[in-house]
Amino acid sequence: MISDRIKELRSINNMSQVKLARNLSVSRSTVNAWEMGISMPTIKYVIEMSSLFNVTSDYILEIDNSNLINLNGLNKKQIKVINDLISCLKT
């Protein structure tokens, strides 16, 4: 469920509901309602969370379970280091 995915991403990023709410300019109770499955975030907030957590909106919506690492702003050497690290972790 989307509610579980939001909670998972928030937890992985060591972010409280309050901090996520501040980043999105919503109330903590709104984030709590999303995580409890009481309400759903609008597309605007799904997009903002995807940027904040460096995942695709499809990942948050559970359309695609692939993770994404945003490499924008990194040079070729930095990207190579990250790719090498990922390769090392896969073995």
N, C-alpha and C. Protein backbone atom coordinates (compact mmCIF):
# COMPACT_ATOMS: atom_id res chain seq x y z
N MET A 1 0.84 -1.20 0.00
CA MET A 1 0.00 0.00 0.00
C MET A 1 0.88 1.25 0.00
N ILE A 2 0.33 2.30 -0.54
CA ILE A 2 1.04 3.58 -0.59
C ILE A 2 1.35 4.05 0.82
N SER A 3 0.44 3.81 1.73
CA SER A 3 0.66 4.24 3.12
C SER A 3 1.91 3.58 3.70
N ASP A 4 2.09 2.30 3.43
CA ASP A 4 3.28 1.60 3.91
C ASP A 4 4.55 2.12 3.25
N ARG A 5 4.46 2.45 1.97
CA ARG A 5 5.63 2.94 1.24
C ARG A 5 6.08 4.29 1.80
N ILE A 6 5.14 5.17 2.09
CA ILE A 6 5.48 6.49 2.65
C ILE A 6 6.16 6.31 4.01
N LYS A 7 5.59 5.47 4.83
CA LYS A 7 6.17 5.24 6.16
C LYS A 7 7.56 4.62 6.04
N GLU A 8 7.71 3.67 5.12
CA GLU A 8 9.01 3.02 4.91
C GLU A 8 10.06 4.04 4.47
N LEU A 9 9.73 4.87 3.50
CA LEU A 9 10.68 5.86 3.01
C LEU A 9 11.04 6.87 4.09
N ARG A 10 10.06 7.27 4.86
CA ARG A 10 10.31 8.21 5.95
C ARG A 10 11.23 7.59 6.98
N SER A 11 10.98 6.34 7.33
CA SER A 11 11.80 5.65 8.32
C SER A 11 13.23 5.43 7.83
N ILE A 12 13.36 4.99 6.59
CA ILE A 12 14.70 4.76 6.01
C ILE A 12 15.52 6.03 6.04
N ASN A 13 14.86 7.16 5.86
CA ASN A 13 15.55 8.45 5.83
C ASN A 13 15.61 9.12 7.20
N ASN A 14 15.30 8.35 8.26
CA ASN A 14 15.35 8.86 9.63
C ASN A 14 14.61 10.19 9.77
N MET A 15 13.41 10.21 9.24
CA MET A 15 12.62 11.43 9.23
C MET A 15 11.34 11.22 10.03
N SER A 16 11.08 12.12 10.93
CA SER A 16 9.84 12.05 11.71
C SER A 16 8.67 12.52 10.85
N GLN A 17 7.48 12.22 11.30
CA GLN A 17 6.29 12.72 10.61
C GLN A 17 6.30 14.25 10.61
N VAL A 18 6.74 14.84 11.70
CA VAL A 18 6.79 16.30 11.80
C VAL A 18 7.73 16.88 10.74
N LYS A 19 8.91 16.27 10.60
CA LYS A 19 9.89 16.78 9.64
C LYS A 19 9.37 16.62 8.21
N LEU A 20 8.78 15.47 7.90
CA LEU A 20 8.21 15.29 6.56
C LEU A 20 7.11 16.32 6.31
N ALA A 21 6.27 16.51 7.30
CA ALA A 21 5.18 17.49 7.17
C ALA A 21 5.74 18.88 6.89
N ARG A 22 6.79 19.27 7.61
CA ARG A 22 7.41 20.58 7.38
C ARG A 22 7.98 20.69 5.97
N ASN A 23 8.65 19.63 5.52
CA ASN A 23 9.22 19.65 4.16
C ASN A 23 8.15 19.79 3.09
N LEU A 24 6.96 19.28 3.36
CA LEU A 24 5.87 19.32 2.38
C LEU A 24 4.89 20.45 2.64
N SER A 25 5.09 21.19 3.73
CA SER A 25 4.18 22.28 4.12
C SER A 25 2.75 21.77 4.34
N VAL A 26 2.66 20.65 5.05
CA VAL A 26 1.38 20.10 5.47
C VAL A 26 1.45 19.85 6.98
N SER A 27 0.36 19.47 7.58
CA SER A 27 0.36 19.19 9.01
C SER A 27 0.85 17.77 9.29
N ARG A 28 1.31 17.54 10.50
CA ARG A 28 1.74 16.20 10.90
C ARG A 28 0.56 15.24 10.81
N SER A 29 -0.62 15.72 11.15
CA SER A 29 -1.80 14.85 11.08
C SER A 29 -2.12 14.42 9.65
N THR A 30 -1.76 15.25 8.68
CA THR A 30 -1.94 14.87 7.28
C THR A 30 -1.02 13.71 6.92
N VAL A 31 0.25 13.82 7.33
CA VAL A 31 1.21 12.73 7.07
C VAL A 31 0.74 11.47 7.79
N ASN A 32 0.29 11.61 9.02
CA ASN A 32 -0.20 10.46 9.77
C ASN A 32 -1.39 9.81 9.06
N ALA A 33 -2.30 10.62 8.53
CA ALA A 33 -3.47 10.09 7.81
C ALA A 33 -3.03 9.32 6.56
N TRP A 34 -2.00 9.82 5.87
CA TRP A 34 -1.48 9.09 4.70
C TRP A 34 -0.93 7.74 5.13
N GLU A 35 -0.15 7.75 6.22
CA GLU A 35 0.48 6.51 6.68
C GLU A 35 -0.52 5.52 7.27
N MET A 36 -1.62 6.01 7.77
CA MET A 36 -2.66 5.13 8.32
C MET A 36 -3.63 4.66 7.23
N GLY A 37 -3.50 5.19 6.03
CA GLY A 37 -4.39 4.82 4.94
C GLY A 37 -5.74 5.49 5.03
N ILE A 38 -5.86 6.52 5.84
CA ILE A 38 -7.12 7.24 6.01
C ILE A 38 -7.37 8.16 4.82
N SER A 39 -6.29 8.74 4.32
CA SER A 39 -6.39 9.60 3.13
C SER A 39 -5.18 9.34 2.24
N MET A 40 -5.22 9.88 1.05
CA MET A 40 -4.15 9.69 0.08
C MET A 40 -3.55 11.05 -0.27
N PRO A 41 -2.23 11.09 -0.46
CA PRO A 41 -1.61 12.34 -0.88
C PRO A 41 -2.02 12.67 -2.32
N THR A 42 -2.10 13.95 -2.61
CA THR A 42 -2.37 14.36 -3.99
C THR A 42 -1.13 14.11 -4.83
N ILE A 43 -1.29 14.20 -6.13
CA ILE A 43 -0.17 14.01 -7.04
C ILE A 43 0.95 14.99 -6.71
N LYS A 44 0.58 16.21 -6.35
CA LYS A 44 1.58 17.23 -5.99
C LYS A 44 2.51 16.71 -4.89
N TYR A 45 1.93 16.11 -3.86
CA TYR A 45 2.73 15.63 -2.73
C TYR A 45 3.48 14.35 -3.07
N VAL A 46 2.92 13.52 -3.92
CA VAL A 46 3.64 12.32 -4.37
C VAL A 46 4.91 12.75 -5.11
N ILE A 47 4.77 13.74 -5.98
CA ILE A 47 5.92 14.24 -6.74
C ILE A 47 6.96 14.86 -5.79
N GLU A 48 6.50 15.65 -4.82
CA GLU A 48 7.42 16.27 -3.86
C GLU A 48 8.14 15.21 -3.03
N MET A 49 7.41 14.16 -2.60
CA MET A 49 8.05 13.09 -1.83
C MET A 49 9.04 12.31 -2.68
N SER A 50 8.72 12.11 -3.96
CA SER A 50 9.65 11.37 -4.82
C SER A 50 10.96 12.14 -4.95
N SER A 51 10.89 13.44 -5.04
CA SER A 51 12.10 14.26 -5.10
C SER A 51 12.83 14.24 -3.76
N LEU A 52 12.10 14.38 -2.69
CA LEU A 52 12.68 14.40 -1.35
C LEU A 52 13.39 13.10 -1.01
N PHE A 53 12.80 11.96 -1.37
CA PHE A 53 13.35 10.65 -1.04
C PHE A 53 14.19 10.04 -2.16
N ASN A 54 14.35 10.77 -3.27
CA ASN A 54 15.13 10.29 -4.42
C ASN A 54 14.63 8.95 -4.96
N VAL A 55 13.33 8.85 -5.12
CA VAL A 55 12.70 7.68 -5.74
C VAL A 55 11.73 8.20 -6.80
N THR A 56 11.24 7.30 -7.63
CA THR A 56 10.25 7.72 -8.62
C THR A 56 8.87 7.79 -7.98
N SER A 57 7.99 8.55 -8.60
CA SER A 57 6.61 8.59 -8.13
C SER A 57 5.98 7.20 -8.29
N ASP A 58 6.38 6.47 -9.33
CA ASP A 58 5.89 5.10 -9.51
C ASP A 58 6.26 4.22 -8.32
N TYR A 59 7.44 4.45 -7.74
CA TYR A 59 7.85 3.67 -6.57
C TYR A 59 6.92 3.97 -5.39
N ILE A 60 6.63 5.24 -5.16
CA ILE A 60 5.73 5.60 -4.06
C ILE A 60 4.34 5.03 -4.29
N LEU A 61 3.89 5.08 -5.54
CA LEU A 61 2.55 4.58 -5.88
C LEU A 61 2.51 3.06 -6.04
N GLU A 62 3.66 2.41 -5.86
CA GLU A 62 3.80 0.96 -5.98
C GLU A 62 3.45 0.43 -7.36
N ILE A 63 3.73 1.25 -8.39
CA ILE A 63 3.56 0.81 -9.77
C ILE A 63 4.81 0.08 -10.21
N ASP A 64 5.94 0.56 -9.73
CA ASP A 64 7.25 -0.01 -10.06
C ASP A 64 8.06 -0.05 -8.77
N ASN A 65 8.63 -1.19 -8.46
CA ASN A 65 9.38 -1.33 -7.21
C ASN A 65 10.87 -1.05 -7.36
N SER A 66 11.27 -0.50 -8.51
CA SER A 66 12.68 -0.17 -8.71
C SER A 66 13.04 1.08 -7.93
N ASN A 67 14.16 1.05 -7.25
CA ASN A 67 14.67 2.23 -6.58
C ASN A 67 15.43 3.08 -7.59
N LEU A 68 15.57 4.34 -7.27
CA LEU A 68 16.27 5.27 -8.15
C LEU A 68 17.26 6.07 -7.31
N ILE A 69 18.44 6.24 -7.83
CA ILE A 69 19.41 7.11 -7.19
C ILE A 69 19.59 8.31 -8.10
N ASN A 70 19.34 9.49 -7.59
CA ASN A 70 19.46 10.71 -8.38
C ASN A 70 20.94 11.10 -8.47
N LEU A 71 21.46 11.10 -9.68
CA LEU A 71 22.86 11.42 -9.91
C LEU A 71 23.05 12.80 -10.52
N ASN A 72 21.97 13.56 -10.60
CA ASN A 72 22.06 14.91 -11.16
C ASN A 72 23.04 15.74 -10.35
N GLY A 73 23.86 16.51 -11.06
CA GLY A 73 24.82 17.38 -10.41
C GLY A 73 26.15 16.73 -10.09
N LEU A 74 26.24 15.41 -10.31
CA LEU A 74 27.50 14.72 -10.05
C LEU A 74 28.33 14.65 -11.34
N ASN A 75 29.64 14.67 -11.17
CA ASN A 75 30.49 14.55 -12.35
C ASN A 75 30.69 13.06 -12.69
N LYS A 76 31.33 12.79 -13.82
CA LYS A 76 31.51 11.42 -14.28
C LYS A 76 32.29 10.56 -13.29
N LYS A 77 33.28 11.14 -12.66
CA LYS A 77 34.08 10.40 -11.69
C LYS A 77 33.23 10.00 -10.48
N GLN A 78 32.41 10.92 -9.99
CA GLN A 78 31.53 10.63 -8.85
C GLN A 78 30.51 9.56 -9.20
N ILE A 79 29.97 9.63 -10.41
CA ILE A 79 28.99 8.63 -10.86
C ILE A 79 29.65 7.26 -10.94
N LYS A 80 30.89 7.21 -11.44
CA LYS A 80 31.60 5.94 -11.51
C LYS A 80 31.82 5.35 -10.12
N VAL A 81 32.17 6.18 -9.15
CA VAL A 81 32.38 5.71 -7.78
C VAL A 81 31.09 5.10 -7.24
N ILE A 82 29.98 5.77 -7.46
CA ILE A 82 28.69 5.26 -6.99
C ILE A 82 28.34 3.94 -7.68
N ASN A 83 28.52 3.88 -8.99
CA ASN A 83 28.25 2.63 -9.71
C ASN A 83 29.15 1.49 -9.24
N ASP A 84 30.42 1.79 -8.97
CA ASP A 84 31.33 0.77 -8.45
C ASP A 84 30.88 0.29 -7.08
N LEU A 85 30.44 1.20 -6.25
CA LEU A 85 29.96 0.85 -4.90
C LEU A 85 28.72 -0.04 -5.00
N ILE A 86 27.81 0.31 -5.88
CA ILE A 86 26.59 -0.50 -6.06
C ILE A 86 26.97 -1.91 -6.53
N SER A 87 27.88 -1.99 -7.48
CA SER A 87 28.34 -3.29 -7.97
C SER A 87 28.95 -4.12 -6.86
N CYS A 88 29.75 -3.46 -6.03
CA CYS A 88 30.39 -4.15 -4.91
C CYS A 88 29.35 -4.66 -3.91
N LEU A 89 28.31 -3.88 -3.66
CA LEU A 89 27.29 -4.27 -2.69
C LEU A 89 26.41 -5.40 -3.20
N LYS A 90 26.29 -5.53 -4.50
CA LYS A 90 25.47 -6.59 -5.09
C LYS A 90 26.13 -7.96 -4.98
N THR A 91 27.46 -7.99 -4.80
CA THR A 91 28.16 -9.27 -4.76
C THR A 91 28.27 -9.81 -3.35
